[in-house]
Every structure is written in structure tokens, then in C-alpha cells.
Full PDB file with SEQRES, HELIX, SHEET, SSBOND, CRYST1, ORIGX, SCALE, CONECT and MASTER records, all heavy atoms in Angstrom:
SEQRES   1 A   31  SER SER THR THR GLU ILE THR PHE ASP VAL THR LYS ALA          
SEQRES   2 A   31  PHE LEU ARG TYR THR GLU HIS LEU PRO ASP ALA GLN ARG          
SEQRES   3 A   31  GLY TRP ASP LEU PRO                                          
HELIX    1 AA1 TYR A   17  GLU A   19  5                                   3    
HELIX    2 AA2 ALA A   24  ARG A   26  5                                   3    
CRYST1    1.000    1.000    1.000  90.00  90.00  90.00 P 1           1          
ORIGX1      1.000000  0.000000  0.000000        0.00000                         
ORIGX2      0.000000  1.000000  0.000000        0.00000                         
ORIGX3      0.000000  0.000000  1.000000        0.00000                         
SCALE1      1.000000  0.000000  0.000000        0.00000                         
SCALE2      0.000000  1.000000  0.000000        0.00000                         
SCALE3      0.000000  0.000000  1.000000        0.00000                         
ATOM      1  N   SER A   1      56.215  12.153  -5.775  1.00  0.00           N  
ATOM      2  CA  SER A   1      57.350  11.237  -5.599  1.00  0.00           C  
ATOM      3  C   SER A   1      58.378  11.446  -6.704  1.00  0.00           C  
ATOM      4  O   SER A   1      58.697  10.525  -7.471  1.00  0.00           O  
ATOM      5  CB  SER A   1      56.865   9.782  -5.579  1.00  0.00           C  
ATOM      6  OG  SER A   1      55.909   9.586  -4.561  1.00  0.00           O  
ATOM      7  N   SER A   2      58.890  12.655  -6.797  1.00  0.00           N  
ATOM      8  CA  SER A   2      59.776  13.008  -7.898  1.00  0.00           C  
ATOM      9  C   SER A   2      61.009  13.731  -7.375  1.00  0.00           C  
ATOM     10  O   SER A   2      61.054  14.212  -6.240  1.00  0.00           O  
ATOM     11  CB  SER A   2      59.058  13.890  -8.909  1.00  0.00           C  
ATOM     12  OG  SER A   2      58.675  15.116  -8.305  1.00  0.00           O  
ATOM     13  N   THR A   3      62.018  13.785  -8.254  1.00  0.00           N  
ATOM     14  CA  THR A   3      63.222  14.574  -8.025  1.00  0.00           C  
ATOM     15  C   THR A   3      63.369  15.533  -9.193  1.00  0.00           C  
ATOM     16  O   THR A   3      63.509  15.117 -10.345  1.00  0.00           O  
ATOM     17  CB  THR A   3      64.463  13.676  -7.917  1.00  0.00           C  
ATOM     18  OG1 THR A   3      64.294  12.777  -6.813  1.00  0.00           O  
ATOM     19  CG2 THR A   3      65.712  14.518  -7.675  1.00  0.00           C  
ATOM     20  N   THR A   4      63.305  16.825  -8.893  1.00  0.00           N  
ATOM     21  CA  THR A   4      63.308  17.868  -9.914  1.00  0.00           C  
ATOM     22  C   THR A   4      64.564  18.713  -9.766  1.00  0.00           C  
ATOM     23  O   THR A   4      64.931  19.098  -8.648  1.00  0.00           O  
ATOM     24  CB  THR A   4      62.063  18.754  -9.796  1.00  0.00           C  
ATOM     25  OG1 THR A   4      60.882  17.935  -9.850  1.00  0.00           O  
ATOM     26  CG2 THR A   4      62.017  19.788 -10.904  1.00  0.00           C  
ATOM     27  N   GLU A   5      65.203  19.007 -10.906  1.00  0.00           N  
ATOM     28  CA  GLU A   5      66.400  19.831 -10.907  1.00  0.00           C  
ATOM     29  C   GLU A   5      66.203  21.020 -11.839  1.00  0.00           C  
ATOM     30  O   GLU A   5      65.776  20.863 -12.988  1.00  0.00           O  
ATOM     31  CB  GLU A   5      67.624  19.035 -11.344  1.00  0.00           C  
ATOM     32  CG  GLU A   5      68.905  19.871 -11.338  1.00  0.00           C  
ATOM     33  CD  GLU A   5      70.124  19.090 -11.783  1.00  0.00           C  
ATOM     34  OE1 GLU A   5      69.947  17.966 -12.292  1.00  0.00           O  
ATOM     35  OE2 GLU A   5      71.250  19.604 -11.630  1.00  0.00           O  
ATOM     36  N   ILE A   6      66.513  22.210 -11.328  1.00  0.00           N  
ATOM     37  CA  ILE A   6      66.438  23.453 -12.101  1.00  0.00           C  
ATOM     38  C   ILE A   6      67.847  24.009 -12.217  1.00  0.00           C  
ATOM     39  O   ILE A   6      68.563  24.124 -11.211  1.00  0.00           O  
ATOM     40  CB  ILE A   6      65.518  24.481 -11.422  1.00  0.00           C  
ATOM     41  CG1 ILE A   6      64.142  23.870 -11.129  1.00  0.00           C  
ATOM     42  CG2 ILE A   6      65.360  25.720 -12.290  1.00  0.00           C  
ATOM     43  CD1 ILE A   6      63.239  24.784 -10.332  1.00  0.00           C  
ATOM     44  N   THR A   7      68.259  24.363 -13.436  1.00  0.00           N  
ATOM     45  CA  THR A   7      69.600  24.898 -13.658  1.00  0.00           C  
ATOM     46  C   THR A   7      69.518  26.200 -14.444  1.00  0.00           C  
ATOM     47  O   THR A   7      68.648  26.371 -15.314  1.00  0.00           O  
ATOM     48  CB  THR A   7      70.487  23.893 -14.406  1.00  0.00           C  
ATOM     49  OG1 THR A   7      69.881  23.560 -15.667  1.00  0.00           O  
ATOM     50  CG2 THR A   7      70.697  22.628 -13.592  1.00  0.00           C  
ATOM     51  N   PHE A   8      70.418  27.122 -14.117  1.00  0.00           N  
ATOM     52  CA  PHE A   8      70.583  28.391 -14.826  1.00  0.00           C  
ATOM     53  C   PHE A   8      72.068  28.607 -15.066  1.00  0.00           C  
ATOM     54  O   PHE A   8      72.893  28.308 -14.200  1.00  0.00           O  
ATOM     55  CB  PHE A   8      70.050  29.575 -14.006  1.00  0.00           C  
ATOM     56  CG  PHE A   8      68.590  29.522 -13.686  1.00  0.00           C  
ATOM     57  CD1 PHE A   8      68.150  28.951 -12.504  1.00  0.00           C  
ATOM     58  CD2 PHE A   8      67.652  30.062 -14.548  1.00  0.00           C  
ATOM     59  CE1 PHE A   8      66.803  28.917 -12.189  1.00  0.00           C  
ATOM     60  CE2 PHE A   8      66.306  30.022 -14.246  1.00  0.00           C  
ATOM     61  CZ  PHE A   8      65.881  29.451 -13.065  1.00  0.00           C  
ATOM     62  N   ASP A   9      72.403  29.133 -16.221  1.00  0.00           N  
ATOM     63  CA  ASP A   9      73.777  29.565 -16.471  1.00  0.00           C  
ATOM     64  C   ASP A   9      73.961  30.966 -15.888  1.00  0.00           C  
ATOM     65  O   ASP A   9      73.085  31.837 -16.033  1.00  0.00           O  
ATOM     66  CB  ASP A   9      74.080  29.570 -17.966  1.00  0.00           C  
ATOM     67  CG  ASP A   9      74.182  28.166 -18.545  1.00  0.00           C  
ATOM     68  OD1 ASP A   9      74.297  27.216 -17.747  1.00  0.00           O  
ATOM     69  OD2 ASP A   9      74.119  28.029 -19.781  1.00  0.00           O  
ATOM     70  N   VAL A  10      75.103  31.189 -15.268  1.00  0.00           N  
ATOM     71  CA  VAL A  10      75.396  32.480 -14.651  1.00  0.00           C  
ATOM     72  C   VAL A  10      76.788  32.927 -15.076  1.00  0.00           C  
ATOM     73  O   VAL A  10      77.647  32.105 -15.428  1.00  0.00           O  
ATOM     74  CB  VAL A  10      75.315  32.405 -13.107  1.00  0.00           C  
ATOM     75  CG1 VAL A  10      73.915  32.044 -12.647  1.00  0.00           C  
ATOM     76  CG2 VAL A  10      76.335  31.426 -12.549  1.00  0.00           C  
ATOM     77  N   THR A  11      76.990  34.228 -15.053  1.00  0.00           N  
ATOM     78  CA  THR A  11      78.303  34.808 -15.273  1.00  0.00           C  
ATOM     79  C   THR A  11      78.671  35.653 -14.061  1.00  0.00           C  
ATOM     80  O   THR A  11      77.804  36.230 -13.401  1.00  0.00           O  
ATOM     81  CB  THR A  11      78.334  35.679 -16.543  1.00  0.00           C  
ATOM     82  OG1 THR A  11      77.335  36.720 -16.419  1.00  0.00           O  
ATOM     83  CG2 THR A  11      78.069  34.843 -17.778  1.00  0.00           C  
ATOM     84  N   LYS A  12      79.966  35.729 -13.795  1.00  0.00           N  
ATOM     85  CA  LYS A  12      80.470  36.460 -12.644  1.00  0.00           C  
ATOM     86  C   LYS A  12      81.178  37.726 -13.121  1.00  0.00           C  
ATOM     87  O   LYS A  12      82.029  37.672 -14.005  1.00  0.00           O  
ATOM     88  CB  LYS A  12      81.433  35.588 -11.842  1.00  0.00           C  
ATOM     89  CG  LYS A  12      80.848  34.223 -11.461  1.00  0.00           C  
ATOM     90  CD  LYS A  12      81.886  33.316 -10.842  1.00  0.00           C  
ATOM     91  CE  LYS A  12      81.360  31.918 -10.631  1.00  0.00           C  
ATOM     92  NZ  LYS A  12      82.384  31.016 -10.054  1.00  0.00           N  
ATOM     93  N   ALA A  13      80.806  38.842 -12.524  1.00  0.00           N  
ATOM     94  CA  ALA A  13      81.363  40.132 -12.939  1.00  0.00           C  
ATOM     95  C   ALA A  13      82.736  40.346 -12.318  1.00  0.00           C  
ATOM     96  O   ALA A  13      83.121  39.707 -11.339  1.00  0.00           O  
ATOM     97  CB  ALA A  13      80.417  41.266 -12.541  1.00  0.00           C  
ATOM     98  N   PHE A  14      83.462  41.267 -12.922  1.00  0.00           N  
ATOM     99  CA  PHE A  14      84.765  41.683 -12.402  1.00  0.00           C  
ATOM    100  C   PHE A  14      84.562  42.991 -11.642  1.00  0.00           C  
ATOM    101  O   PHE A  14      84.214  44.014 -12.232  1.00  0.00           O  
ATOM    102  CB  PHE A  14      85.774  41.864 -13.540  1.00  0.00           C  
ATOM    103  CG  PHE A  14      87.179  42.079 -13.053  1.00  0.00           C  
ATOM    104  CD1 PHE A  14      87.984  41.012 -12.716  1.00  0.00           C  
ATOM    105  CD2 PHE A  14      87.684  43.365 -12.929  1.00  0.00           C  
ATOM    106  CE1 PHE A  14      89.267  41.205 -12.267  1.00  0.00           C  
ATOM    107  CE2 PHE A  14      88.965  43.577 -12.480  1.00  0.00           C  
ATOM    108  CZ  PHE A  14      89.772  42.485 -12.142  1.00  0.00           C  
ATOM    109  N   LEU A  15      84.746  42.942 -10.340  1.00  0.00           N  
ATOM    110  CA  LEU A  15      84.494  44.096  -9.496  1.00  0.00           C  
ATOM    111  C   LEU A  15      85.635  45.092  -9.563  1.00  0.00           C  
ATOM    112  O   LEU A  15      86.786  44.733  -9.825  1.00  0.00           O  
ATOM    113  CB  LEU A  15      84.291  43.661  -8.039  1.00  0.00           C  
ATOM    114  CG  LEU A  15      83.159  42.673  -7.755  1.00  0.00           C  
ATOM    115  CD1 LEU A  15      83.104  42.364  -6.267  1.00  0.00           C  
ATOM    116  CD2 LEU A  15      81.826  43.224  -8.222  1.00  0.00           C  
ATOM    117  N   ARG A  16      85.277  46.343  -9.283  1.00  0.00           N  
ATOM    118  CA  ARG A  16      86.312  47.345  -9.092  1.00  0.00           C  
ATOM    119  C   ARG A  16      87.054  47.065  -7.788  1.00  0.00           C  
ATOM    120  O   ARG A  16      86.495  46.471  -6.863  1.00  0.00           O  
ATOM    121  CB  ARG A  16      85.701  48.743  -9.063  1.00  0.00           C  
ATOM    122  CG  ARG A  16      84.860  49.073 -10.291  1.00  0.00           C  
ATOM    123  CD  ARG A  16      84.225  50.440 -10.142  1.00  0.00           C  
ATOM    124  NE  ARG A  16      83.350  50.747 -11.264  1.00  0.00           N  
ATOM    125  CZ  ARG A  16      82.123  51.243 -11.142  1.00  0.00           C  
ATOM    126  NH1 ARG A  16      81.640  51.462  -9.931  1.00  0.00           N  
ATOM    127  NH2 ARG A  16      81.403  51.519 -12.208  1.00  0.00           N  
ATOM    128  N   TYR A  17      88.263  47.544  -7.713  1.00  0.00           N  
ATOM    129  CA  TYR A  17      89.034  47.222  -6.513  1.00  0.00           C  
ATOM    130  C   TYR A  17      88.445  47.877  -5.268  1.00  0.00           C  
ATOM    131  O   TYR A  17      88.638  47.401  -4.151  1.00  0.00           O  
ATOM    132  CB  TYR A  17      90.502  47.628  -6.703  1.00  0.00           C  
ATOM    133  CG  TYR A  17      90.793  49.096  -6.494  1.00  0.00           C  
ATOM    134  CD1 TYR A  17      91.271  49.575  -5.273  1.00  0.00           C  
ATOM    135  CD2 TYR A  17      90.588  50.019  -7.521  1.00  0.00           C  
ATOM    136  CE1 TYR A  17      91.524  50.919  -5.082  1.00  0.00           C  
ATOM    137  CE2 TYR A  17      90.843  51.358  -7.330  1.00  0.00           C  
ATOM    138  CZ  TYR A  17      91.321  51.806  -6.119  1.00  0.00           C  
ATOM    139  OH  TYR A  17      91.572  53.134  -5.933  1.00  0.00           O  
ATOM    140  N   THR A  18      87.684  48.968  -5.449  1.00  0.00           N  
ATOM    141  CA  THR A  18      87.058  49.625  -4.302  1.00  0.00           C  
ATOM    142  C   THR A  18      85.768  48.932  -3.865  1.00  0.00           C  
ATOM    143  O   THR A  18      85.214  49.276  -2.814  1.00  0.00           O  
ATOM    144  CB  THR A  18      86.746  51.083  -4.640  1.00  0.00           C  
ATOM    145  OG1 THR A  18      85.920  51.136  -5.819  1.00  0.00           O  
ATOM    146  CG2 THR A  18      88.040  51.863  -4.894  1.00  0.00           C  
ATOM    147  N   GLU A  19      85.263  47.978  -4.646  1.00  0.00           N  
ATOM    148  CA  GLU A  19      84.011  47.291  -4.316  1.00  0.00           C  
ATOM    149  C   GLU A  19      84.233  45.984  -3.589  1.00  0.00           C  
ATOM    150  O   GLU A  19      83.265  45.340  -3.176  1.00  0.00           O  
ATOM    151  CB  GLU A  19      83.205  47.032  -5.595  1.00  0.00           C  
ATOM    152  CG  GLU A  19      82.735  48.299  -6.284  1.00  0.00           C  
ATOM    153  CD  GLU A  19      82.074  48.020  -7.614  1.00  0.00           C  
ATOM    154  OE1 GLU A  19      82.345  46.949  -8.198  1.00  0.00           O  
ATOM    155  OE2 GLU A  19      81.295  48.871  -8.083  1.00  0.00           O  
ATOM    156  N   HIS A  20      85.473  45.559  -3.426  1.00  0.00           N  
ATOM    157  CA  HIS A  20      85.743  44.300  -2.742  1.00  0.00           C  
ATOM    158  C   HIS A  20      85.615  44.459  -1.240  1.00  0.00           C  
ATOM    159  O   HIS A  20      85.836  45.542  -0.680  1.00  0.00           O  
ATOM    160  CB  HIS A  20      87.148  43.792  -3.088  1.00  0.00           C  
ATOM    161  CG  HIS A  20      87.241  43.183  -4.445  1.00  0.00           C  
ATOM    162  ND1 HIS A  20      86.919  41.875  -4.692  1.00  0.00           N  
ATOM    163  CD2 HIS A  20      87.605  43.711  -5.651  1.00  0.00           C  
ATOM    164  CE1 HIS A  20      87.099  41.603  -5.977  1.00  0.00           C  
ATOM    165  NE2 HIS A  20      87.514  42.707  -6.574  1.00  0.00           N  
ATOM    166  N   LEU A  21      85.253  43.362  -0.586  1.00  0.00           N  
ATOM    167  CA  LEU A  21      85.167  43.339   0.865  1.00  0.00           C  
ATOM    168  C   LEU A  21      86.563  43.312   1.469  1.00  0.00           C  
ATOM    169  O   LEU A  21      87.544  42.990   0.783  1.00  0.00           O  
ATOM    170  CB  LEU A  21      84.378  42.112   1.318  1.00  0.00           C  
ATOM    171  CG  LEU A  21      82.911  42.044   0.864  1.00  0.00           C  
ATOM    172  CD1 LEU A  21      82.311  40.705   1.253  1.00  0.00           C  
ATOM    173  CD2 LEU A  21      82.109  43.172   1.465  1.00  0.00           C  
ATOM    174  N   PRO A  22      86.681  43.623   2.770  1.00  0.00           N  
ATOM    175  CA  PRO A  22      88.012  43.544   3.397  1.00  0.00           C  
ATOM    176  C   PRO A  22      88.623  42.149   3.322  1.00  0.00           C  
ATOM    177  O   PRO A  22      89.831  42.009   3.177  1.00  0.00           O  
ATOM    178  CB  PRO A  22      87.734  43.962   4.845  1.00  0.00           C  
ATOM    179  CG  PRO A  22      86.511  44.813   4.760  1.00  0.00           C  
ATOM    180  CD  PRO A  22      85.689  44.240   3.654  1.00  0.00           C  
ATOM    181  N   ASP A  23      87.797  41.095   3.419  1.00  0.00           N  
ATOM    182  CA  ASP A  23      88.286  39.721   3.266  1.00  0.00           C  
ATOM    183  C   ASP A  23      87.959  39.218   1.859  1.00  0.00           C  
ATOM    184  O   ASP A  23      87.218  38.251   1.682  1.00  0.00           O  
ATOM    185  CB  ASP A  23      87.682  38.816   4.327  1.00  0.00           C  
ATOM    186  CG  ASP A  23      86.163  38.885   4.349  1.00  0.00           C  
ATOM    187  OD1 ASP A  23      85.607  39.801   3.721  1.00  0.00           O  
ATOM    188  OD2 ASP A  23      85.536  38.021   4.976  1.00  0.00           O  
ATOM    189  N   ALA A  24      88.521  39.890   0.860  1.00  0.00           N  
ATOM    190  CA  ALA A  24      88.162  39.606  -0.537  1.00  0.00           C  
ATOM    191  C   ALA A  24      88.518  38.192  -0.953  1.00  0.00           C  
ATOM    192  O   ALA A  24      87.835  37.592  -1.792  1.00  0.00           O  
ATOM    193  CB  ALA A  24      88.859  40.608  -1.463  1.00  0.00           C  
ATOM    194  N   GLN A  25      89.573  37.619  -0.376  1.00  0.00           N  
ATOM    195  CA  GLN A  25      89.991  36.279  -0.782  1.00  0.00           C  
ATOM    196  C   GLN A  25      88.993  35.205  -0.341  1.00  0.00           C  
ATOM    197  O   GLN A  25      88.997  34.101  -0.875  1.00  0.00           O  
ATOM    198  CB  GLN A  25      91.377  35.974  -0.198  1.00  0.00           C  
ATOM    199  CG  GLN A  25      92.459  36.966  -0.597  1.00  0.00           C  
ATOM    200  CD  GLN A  25      92.721  36.967  -2.087  1.00  0.00           C  
ATOM    201  OE1 GLN A  25      92.465  35.986  -2.775  1.00  0.00           O  
ATOM    202  NE2 GLN A  25      93.230  38.086  -2.605  1.00  0.00           N  
ATOM    203  N   ARG A  26      88.140  35.520   0.639  1.00  0.00           N  
ATOM    204  CA  ARG A  26      87.158  34.535   1.108  1.00  0.00           C  
ATOM    205  C   ARG A  26      86.056  34.315   0.091  1.00  0.00           C  
ATOM    206  O   ARG A  26      85.551  33.194  -0.074  1.00  0.00           O  
ATOM    207  CB  ARG A  26      86.556  35.002   2.437  1.00  0.00           C  
ATOM    208  CG  ARG A  26      85.458  34.095   2.973  1.00  0.00           C  
ATOM    209  CD  ARG A  26      84.823  34.668   4.220  1.00  0.00           C  
ATOM    210  NE  ARG A  26      83.684  33.875   4.655  1.00  0.00           N  
ATOM    211  CZ  ARG A  26      82.447  34.043   4.227  1.00  0.00           C  
ATOM    212  NH1 ARG A  26      82.197  34.998   3.331  1.00  0.00           N  
ATOM    213  NH2 ARG A  26      81.454  33.280   4.666  1.00  0.00           N  
ATOM    214  N   GLY A  27      85.641  35.343  -0.617  1.00  0.00           N  
ATOM    215  CA  GLY A  27      84.540  35.236  -1.560  1.00  0.00           C  
ATOM    216  C   GLY A  27      83.320  36.004  -1.075  1.00  0.00           C  
ATOM    217  O   GLY A  27      83.350  36.682  -0.043  1.00  0.00           O  
ATOM    218  N   TRP A  28      82.223  35.870  -1.814  1.00  0.00           N  
ATOM    219  CA  TRP A  28      80.971  36.566  -1.532  1.00  0.00           C  
ATOM    220  C   TRP A  28      79.888  35.554  -1.206  1.00  0.00           C  
ATOM    221  O   TRP A  28      79.776  34.507  -1.854  1.00  0.00           O  
ATOM    222  CB  TRP A  28      80.532  37.419  -2.715  1.00  0.00           C  
ATOM    223  CG  TRP A  28      81.414  38.609  -2.968  1.00  0.00           C  
ATOM    224  CD1 TRP A  28      82.667  38.603  -3.510  1.00  0.00           C  
ATOM    225  CD2 TRP A  28      81.105  39.974  -2.674  1.00  0.00           C  
ATOM    226  NE1 TRP A  28      83.158  39.875  -3.574  1.00  0.00           N  
ATOM    227  CE2 TRP A  28      82.219  40.755  -3.078  1.00  0.00           C  
ATOM    228  CE3 TRP A  28      80.010  40.619  -2.132  1.00  0.00           C  
ATOM    229  CZ2 TRP A  28      82.248  42.131  -2.940  1.00  0.00           C  
ATOM    230  CZ3 TRP A  28      80.037  41.999  -2.000  1.00  0.00           C  
ATOM    231  CH2 TRP A  28      81.150  42.736  -2.407  1.00  0.00           C  
ATOM    232  N   ASP A  29      79.052  35.872  -0.207  1.00  0.00           N  
ATOM    233  CA  ASP A  29      77.920  35.023   0.164  1.00  0.00           C  
ATOM    234  C   ASP A  29      76.697  35.417  -0.652  1.00  0.00           C  
ATOM    235  O   ASP A  29      76.349  36.603  -0.736  1.00  0.00           O  
ATOM    236  CB  ASP A  29      77.605  35.159   1.651  1.00  0.00           C  
ATOM    237  CG  ASP A  29      78.710  34.587   2.527  1.00  0.00           C  
ATOM    238  OD1 ASP A  29      78.965  33.382   2.415  1.00  0.00           O  
ATOM    239  OD2 ASP A  29      79.312  35.348   3.305  1.00  0.00           O  
ATOM    240  N   LEU A  30      76.041  34.422  -1.233  1.00  0.00           N  
ATOM    241  CA  LEU A  30      74.811  34.645  -1.986  1.00  0.00           C  
ATOM    242  C   LEU A  30      73.610  34.379  -1.092  1.00  0.00           C  
ATOM    243  O   LEU A  30      73.617  33.444  -0.287  1.00  0.00           O  
ATOM    244  CB  LEU A  30      74.751  33.733  -3.206  1.00  0.00           C  
ATOM    245  CG  LEU A  30      75.861  33.899  -4.252  1.00  0.00           C  
ATOM    246  CD1 LEU A  30      75.606  32.978  -5.428  1.00  0.00           C  
ATOM    247  CD2 LEU A  30      75.964  35.349  -4.711  1.00  0.00           C  
ATOM    248  N   PRO A  31      72.562  35.193  -1.186  1.00  0.00           N  
ATOM    249  CA  PRO A  31      71.374  34.986  -0.338  1.00  0.00           C  
ATOM    250  C   PRO A  31      70.732  33.642  -0.616  1.00  0.00           C  
ATOM    251  O   PRO A  31      70.876  33.062  -1.704  1.00  0.00           O  
ATOM    252  CB  PRO A  31      70.452  36.139  -0.744  1.00  0.00           C  
ATOM    253  CG  PRO A  31      71.333  37.138  -1.412  1.00  0.00           C  
ATOM    254  CD  PRO A  31      72.439  36.363  -2.053  1.00  0.00           C  
TER     255      PRO A  31                                                      
MASTER        0    0    0    2    0    0    0    6  254    1    0    3          
END                                                                             
């Protein structure tokens, strides 16, 4: 009967312009 929260700090990389998706402004989906 508990509520548990797990947190991690993350950093976001700067992609090369050739690595972006065609709809780059939409963002990236994480699994």
C-alpha cells in the first residue's frame, strides 16, 4: 500500500543535422 517514485537526471545530446528525422520539429519517441 505504497507510492514509490524513482528519478534519474538525464542530459540530451545535440544531434548532427544528418541524424534528425524528417519531422525533426516533432521530437523523438522514447521506448
